[in-house]
Amino acid sequence: MLGWFAFLWFSPGPAPYHYRLVEEGGIDKFSKLGLDAWPDLGISKQEIIVDGVDEPVAVGYLARRGNTKPVMLAWENYTGEPVVFVNNKLSELTLLAPAIAKHVPKDAVILAWWDTSRQIQLLTGLETVFTSHLSGPLVAPSLWRPRIEAIDKYEREFWGSTASAEEKGKFQRFAVALSSEPTEGAAILRELTGGREAYVVVHVSDLYKLGLMSPDRIGVAYKDFPLKGGDVHGLSAMVKRWLLDNNYTSQTVHGLSEENARAYFLTDDKSKDTLLAQMLPMTTSVPLDFKAVKLVHKEGGYWVYKIPSAQPSNT
């Protein structure tokens, strides 16, 4: 892939990629996705094509109900650096959604990163604070930075994004909450949900996205490691060595597939004390004992918390 990175570095212009429809149909045509519980969804498979590259650099599965705008449900990146979306496990999402639908009251509201929010709304019908495809922060290789405005324009046009200034402002505020110390962050979450019964869903990959969006507030790095036949102990040793060699302060690991896992690292002491870092299974956090928000469910890389109506002491 080095060739296309170099080519794009010296070629500012339009978005360096485009979506290419491969096939579309009902869930029966995409039985491997495991969407039997949502028979009314329409699915389309899209490849991400970069000019001058023979093979797609990623593939995504989009879902929609009727004439609604599409939602990215599953994404698989074939390059060594995240492109457009961060890899996710649809199998985790399809287990999470029924649990949320069963246990979250119908009149409650849910906070989550905008892409997770749209997935939850599609699969549960519950109300989420964020409903639009907000695009940001743009997940792109560093050498695509000269084309970031073109990428943003292309993404908004492809997804038909019509987010209001108010929704964008609330999402910025959500990022501030996640990157604040826990007491302050939880107070902002309550502010965003207007005092209603509310829940917040986070995923370990939100660390990477928050680090892109607010690098001055939280320092995040990542590295992919081979699982080598499911050798968890060997993986743990490699991750710990990488943490020590780079003077990182905390880490967590999430499996991408049977062959690979991604480790997320916090790069300084301030970052490990943020709300998001304390909500996730870092080596410097204890989610079960966390009091700023209350853990109510976990599914793979997803962690679901209830937002207290008043701020308890986090001691």
Protein backbone atom coordinates (compact mmCIF):
# COMPACT_ATOMS: atom_id res chain seq x y z
CA MET A 1 0.00 0.00 0.00
CA LEU A 2 3.01 2.33 0.25
CA GLY A 3 2.69 3.29 -3.39
CA TRP A 4 -0.76 4.78 -3.08
CA PHE A 5 0.16 6.61 0.14
CA ALA A 6 3.10 8.25 -1.64
CA PHE A 7 1.02 9.04 -4.71
CA LEU A 8 -1.64 10.77 -2.64
CA TRP A 9 0.92 12.75 -0.68
CA PHE A 10 2.01 14.54 -3.82
CA SER A 11 -1.46 14.74 -5.38
CA PRO A 12 -3.76 17.16 -3.54
CA GLY A 13 -7.20 17.32 -5.11
CA PRO A 14 -10.54 15.52 -4.69
CA ALA A 15 -11.24 12.81 -2.13
CA PRO A 16 -8.65 10.06 -2.69
CA TYR A 17 -11.23 7.26 -2.56
CA HIS A 18 -14.81 6.46 -3.41
CA TYR A 19 -17.44 3.96 -2.34
CA ARG A 20 -18.28 1.29 -4.91
CA LEU A 21 -21.50 -0.68 -4.58
CA VAL A 22 -20.81 -4.42 -4.85
CA GLU A 23 -24.25 -5.86 -4.10
CA GLU A 24 -27.42 -5.10 -2.20
CA GLY A 25 -30.53 -6.87 -0.99
CA GLY A 26 -32.33 -8.12 2.10
CA ILE A 27 -30.80 -9.83 5.10
CA ASP A 28 -31.26 -13.24 3.45
CA LYS A 29 -28.70 -12.24 0.84
CA PHE A 30 -26.21 -11.39 3.60
CA SER A 31 -26.88 -14.27 5.98
CA LYS A 32 -23.32 -14.27 7.32
CA LEU A 33 -23.95 -10.90 8.97
CA GLY A 34 -26.31 -12.46 11.51
CA LEU A 35 -29.13 -9.93 11.14
CA ASP A 36 -32.06 -12.37 11.35
CA ALA A 37 -33.62 -10.34 14.18
CA TRP A 38 -34.03 -7.38 11.81
CA PRO A 39 -35.76 -8.84 8.71
CA ASP A 40 -36.92 -5.43 7.46
CA LEU A 41 -33.42 -4.08 6.89
CA GLY A 42 -31.98 -3.49 3.44
CA ILE A 43 -28.24 -4.12 3.16
CA SER A 44 -25.63 -2.90 0.71
CA LYS A 45 -22.02 -3.97 0.49
CA GLN A 46 -19.65 -1.15 -0.41
CA GLU A 47 -15.95 -1.35 -1.23
CA ILE A 48 -13.59 1.56 -0.68
CA ILE A 49 -11.63 2.12 -3.86
CA VAL A 50 -8.51 4.26 -4.15
CA ASP A 51 -7.44 5.43 -7.61
CA GLY A 52 -4.48 3.45 -8.86
CA VAL A 53 -4.94 0.60 -6.38
CA ASP A 54 -6.20 -2.70 -7.79
CA GLU A 55 -7.80 -4.06 -4.63
CA PRO A 56 -10.27 -2.34 -2.27
CA VAL A 57 -8.68 -0.90 0.87
CA ALA A 58 -11.77 -1.60 2.99
CA VAL A 59 -15.28 -2.98 2.80
CA GLY A 60 -18.39 -1.83 4.63
CA TYR A 61 -21.94 -3.08 5.07
CA LEU A 62 -24.59 -0.38 5.15
CA ALA A 63 -28.11 -0.90 6.46
CA ARG A 64 -31.30 1.09 6.13
CA ARG A 65 -34.97 0.71 6.84
CA GLY A 66 -37.18 1.81 3.97
CA ASN A 67 -36.11 5.18 2.58
CA THR A 68 -34.14 6.27 5.63
CA LYS A 69 -30.51 7.30 5.33
CA PRO A 70 -28.01 4.42 5.45
CA VAL A 71 -26.08 3.47 8.57
CA MET A 72 -22.65 1.82 8.57
CA LEU A 73 -23.10 -1.44 10.47
CA ALA A 74 -19.86 -3.31 9.81
CA TRP A 75 -16.45 -2.23 8.57
CA GLU A 76 -13.30 -4.14 7.70
CA ASN A 77 -10.12 -2.29 6.89
CA TYR A 78 -7.46 -4.03 4.79
CA THR A 79 -4.66 -1.50 5.37
CA GLY A 80 -2.31 -1.02 8.30
CA GLU A 81 -3.85 2.31 9.29
CA PRO A 82 -7.52 3.11 10.03
CA VAL A 83 -9.36 4.43 6.98
CA VAL A 84 -12.71 6.30 7.15
CA PHE A 85 -14.13 4.08 9.92
CA VAL A 86 -12.57 2.05 12.72
CA ASN A 87 -12.99 -1.73 12.50
CA ASN A 88 -15.87 -3.11 14.55
CA LYS A 89 -17.34 -6.52 15.30
CA LEU A 90 -20.93 -6.73 14.09
CA SER A 91 -21.38 -9.86 16.22
CA GLU A 92 -20.89 -7.72 19.34
CA LEU A 93 -23.33 -5.07 18.13
CA THR A 94 -26.05 -7.61 17.33
CA LEU A 95 -25.78 -8.94 20.89
CA LEU A 96 -25.67 -5.47 22.42
CA ALA A 97 -28.76 -4.10 20.66
CA PRO A 98 -31.31 -6.65 21.98
CA ALA A 99 -29.94 -6.24 25.51
CA ILE A 100 -30.37 -2.48 25.30
CA ALA A 101 -33.85 -2.82 23.80
CA LYS A 102 -34.87 -5.17 26.62
CA HIS A 103 -33.48 -3.29 29.60
CA VAL A 104 -33.45 0.41 28.69
CA PRO A 105 -36.85 2.08 29.27
CA LYS A 106 -38.62 3.29 26.14
CA ASP A 107 -38.71 6.87 27.40
CA ALA A 108 -34.98 6.97 28.21
CA VAL A 109 -32.36 8.56 25.97
CA ILE A 110 -28.97 7.18 24.92
CA LEU A 111 -25.65 8.94 24.45
CA ALA A 112 -22.90 7.35 22.37
CA TRP A 113 -20.41 8.28 19.67
CA TRP A 114 -22.40 9.39 16.63
CA ASP A 115 -21.73 6.22 14.60
CA THR A 116 -22.65 3.95 17.52
CA SER A 117 -25.71 6.13 18.20
CA ARG A 118 -27.00 5.61 14.66
CA GLN A 119 -26.44 1.85 14.90
CA ILE A 120 -28.27 1.63 18.23
CA GLN A 121 -31.17 3.73 16.97
CA LEU A 122 -31.51 1.58 13.85
CA LEU A 123 -31.42 -1.74 15.73
CA THR A 124 -33.43 -0.78 18.83
CA GLY A 125 -35.71 2.10 17.83
CA LEU A 126 -34.74 3.90 21.03
CA GLU A 127 -34.03 7.62 21.14
CA THR A 128 -30.43 8.73 20.82
CA VAL A 129 -29.06 12.24 21.27
CA PHE A 130 -27.11 11.99 18.01
CA THR A 131 -28.98 10.89 14.88
CA SER A 132 -26.93 12.30 12.00
CA HIS A 133 -23.82 11.09 10.21
CA LEU A 134 -21.43 13.66 11.67
CA SER A 135 -18.27 12.44 9.86
CA GLY A 136 -15.87 13.90 12.40
CA PRO A 137 -13.28 13.29 13.41
CA LEU A 138 -12.24 12.15 9.96
CA VAL A 139 -10.42 8.84 10.23
CA ALA A 140 -7.75 9.03 7.54
CA PRO A 141 -4.10 8.10 7.01
CA SER A 142 -1.78 10.98 7.83
CA LEU A 143 -0.77 11.34 4.19
CA TRP A 144 -4.39 12.10 3.27
CA ARG A 145 -4.34 15.28 5.35
CA PRO A 146 -3.83 17.59 2.33
CA ARG A 147 -7.23 16.37 1.08
CA ILE A 148 -9.12 16.52 4.36
CA GLU A 149 -11.60 19.15 3.16
CA ALA A 150 -12.36 17.15 0.02
CA ILE A 151 -12.83 14.01 2.11
CA ASP A 152 -15.21 15.81 4.46
CA LYS A 153 -17.26 17.09 1.51
CA TYR A 154 -17.40 13.66 -0.13
CA GLU A 155 -18.46 11.95 3.10
CA ARG A 156 -21.25 14.46 3.76
CA GLU A 157 -22.56 14.08 0.22
CA PHE A 158 -22.40 10.28 0.21
CA TRP A 159 -24.22 9.91 3.53
CA GLY A 160 -26.65 12.76 2.94
CA SER A 161 -25.59 14.38 6.19
CA THR A 162 -27.84 17.23 7.27
CA ALA A 163 -26.66 17.67 10.85
CA SER A 164 -27.73 20.92 12.47
CA ALA A 165 -25.34 23.30 14.16
CA GLU A 166 -27.03 22.37 17.44
CA GLU A 167 -26.34 18.66 16.99
CA LYS A 168 -22.74 19.33 16.01
CA GLY A 169 -22.34 21.54 19.06
CA LYS A 170 -23.76 18.86 21.33
CA PHE A 171 -21.35 16.31 19.91
CA GLN A 172 -18.43 18.64 20.59
CA ARG A 173 -19.75 18.94 24.13
CA PHE A 174 -19.94 15.14 24.38
CA ALA A 175 -16.27 14.90 23.42
CA VAL A 176 -15.47 17.45 26.12
CA ALA A 177 -17.36 15.31 28.65
CA LEU A 178 -15.45 12.15 27.76
CA SER A 179 -12.10 13.95 27.94
CA SER A 180 -12.85 15.68 31.26
CA GLU A 181 -12.20 14.41 34.75
CA PRO A 182 -15.04 12.07 35.82
CA THR A 183 -17.12 14.37 38.02
CA GLU A 184 -17.12 17.20 35.50
CA GLY A 185 -17.65 14.81 32.59
CA ALA A 186 -20.66 13.12 34.16
CA ALA A 187 -22.21 16.53 34.85
CA ILE A 188 -21.88 17.41 31.16
CA LEU A 189 -23.54 14.10 30.21
CA ARG A 190 -26.51 15.02 32.43
CA GLU A 191 -26.60 18.44 30.80
CA LEU A 192 -26.75 16.85 27.33
CA THR A 193 -29.65 14.57 28.30
CA GLY A 194 -31.73 17.29 29.92
CA GLY A 195 -32.24 15.53 33.23
CA ARG A 196 -34.02 12.55 31.65
CA GLU A 197 -33.26 8.93 32.49
CA ALA A 198 -30.22 8.38 30.33
CA TYR A 199 -27.54 5.87 29.43
CA VAL A 200 -24.16 6.24 27.79
CA VAL A 201 -22.60 3.56 25.58
CA VAL A 202 -18.86 3.60 24.94
CA HIS A 203 -16.58 1.33 22.96
CA VAL A 204 -12.85 0.80 23.35
CA SER A 205 -12.30 2.24 19.85
CA ASP A 206 -13.81 5.52 21.08
CA LEU A 207 -10.41 6.11 22.68
CA TYR A 208 -8.81 6.38 19.24
CA LYS A 209 -11.56 8.62 17.87
CA LEU A 210 -11.51 10.88 20.92
CA GLY A 211 -7.73 11.13 20.65
CA LEU A 212 -8.09 12.29 17.04
CA MET A 213 -10.76 14.80 17.97
CA SER A 214 -9.20 16.19 21.16
CA PRO A 215 -5.45 15.46 21.12
CA ASP A 216 -4.81 18.32 23.54
CA ARG A 217 -7.12 16.72 26.13
CA ILE A 218 -6.32 13.01 25.80
CA GLY A 219 -3.26 11.32 24.34
CA VAL A 220 -3.98 8.01 22.60
CA ALA A 221 -1.83 5.62 20.58
CA TYR A 222 -2.56 2.19 19.17
CA LYS A 223 -0.80 -0.84 17.74
CA ASP A 224 -2.07 -4.07 16.21
CA PHE A 225 -0.62 -7.36 17.44
CA PRO A 226 -0.89 -10.92 16.08
CA LEU A 227 -2.72 -13.37 18.31
CA LYS A 228 -0.57 -16.29 17.15
CA GLY A 229 -3.05 -19.11 17.56
CA GLY A 230 -4.93 -17.48 20.41
CA ASP A 231 -1.86 -17.13 22.65
CA VAL A 232 -3.30 -14.59 25.09
CA HIS A 233 -0.28 -14.73 27.42
CA GLY A 234 2.10 -14.03 24.57
CA LEU A 235 -0.09 -11.14 23.45
CA SER A 236 -0.14 -9.70 26.97
CA ALA A 237 3.65 -9.79 27.16
CA MET A 238 4.04 -8.03 23.79
CA VAL A 239 1.56 -5.31 24.73
CA LYS A 240 3.21 -4.70 28.10
CA ARG A 241 6.63 -4.47 26.48
CA TRP A 242 5.32 -1.93 23.94
CA LEU A 243 3.79 0.13 26.76
CA LEU A 244 7.06 0.18 28.72
CA ASP A 245 9.26 0.87 25.69
CA ASN A 246 7.15 3.92 24.78
CA ASN A 247 6.60 5.21 28.33
CA TYR A 248 2.83 4.95 27.98
CA THR A 249 0.74 5.04 31.14
CA SER A 250 -2.13 2.61 30.51
CA GLN A 251 -3.51 0.18 27.94
CA THR A 252 -6.43 -1.99 26.92
CA VAL A 253 -6.74 -4.64 24.21
CA HIS A 254 -9.63 -5.48 21.91
CA GLY A 255 -9.73 -8.42 19.52
CA LEU A 256 -10.22 -7.47 15.88
CA SER A 257 -10.39 -11.05 14.62
CA GLU A 258 -9.18 -14.52 15.49
CA GLU A 259 -5.75 -13.54 14.19
CA ASN A 260 -5.28 -9.95 15.36
CA ALA A 261 -5.88 -7.71 18.34
CA ARG A 262 -5.57 -3.94 18.71
CA ALA A 263 -4.04 -2.39 21.81
CA TYR A 264 -4.95 1.18 22.72
CA PHE A 265 -2.52 3.12 24.89
CA LEU A 266 -2.80 6.32 26.91
CA THR A 267 0.31 8.41 26.54
CA ASP A 268 0.35 10.47 29.75
CA ASP A 269 -0.94 10.55 33.31
CA LYS A 270 -3.59 13.19 32.60
CA SER A 271 -5.23 11.00 29.97
CA LYS A 272 -5.77 8.02 32.26
CA ASP A 273 -7.84 10.19 34.61
CA THR A 274 -10.42 11.20 31.99
CA LEU A 275 -14.02 10.02 32.13
CA LEU A 276 -13.69 7.76 29.07
CA ALA A 277 -10.48 6.15 30.29
CA GLN A 278 -12.10 5.35 33.64
CA MET A 279 -15.18 3.87 31.92
CA LEU A 280 -13.13 1.43 29.84
CA PRO A 281 -11.11 -1.62 30.99
CA MET A 282 -7.73 0.09 31.11
CA THR A 283 -4.94 -1.20 33.32
CA THR A 284 -5.51 1.91 35.47
CA SER A 285 -9.31 1.70 35.85
CA VAL A 286 -11.91 -0.44 37.63
CA PRO A 287 -15.23 -0.01 35.78
CA LEU A 288 -17.18 -2.16 38.25
CA ASP A 289 -16.31 0.24 41.07
CA PHE A 290 -16.72 3.45 39.08
CA LYS A 291 -19.25 5.81 40.65
CA ALA A 292 -19.41 8.85 38.36
CA VAL A 293 -21.62 6.71 36.10
CA LYS A 294 -22.96 3.23 36.90
CA LEU A 295 -22.00 0.18 34.85
CA VAL A 296 -25.10 -1.79 33.82
CA HIS A 297 -23.98 -3.95 30.90
CA LYS A 298 -20.95 -5.07 28.90
CA GLU A 299 -20.82 -6.75 25.50
CA GLY A 300 -17.42 -7.32 23.93
CA GLY A 301 -15.85 -3.91 23.44
CA TYR A 302 -19.06 -2.08 24.41
CA TRP A 303 -19.67 -0.76 27.93
CA VAL A 304 -23.09 0.59 28.95
CA TYR A 305 -23.51 2.97 31.89
CA LYS A 306 -26.49 4.64 33.50
CA ILE A 307 -26.01 8.36 34.04
CA PRO A 308 -27.03 9.22 37.63
CA SER A 309 -29.58 11.98 38.05
CA ALA A 310 -27.24 13.55 40.62
CA GLN A 311 -23.49 13.28 40.88
CA PRO A 312 -22.34 10.73 43.49
CA SER A 313 -18.91 10.79 45.05
CA ASN A 314 -16.35 8.82 43.01
CA THR A 315 -14.53 7.42 46.00
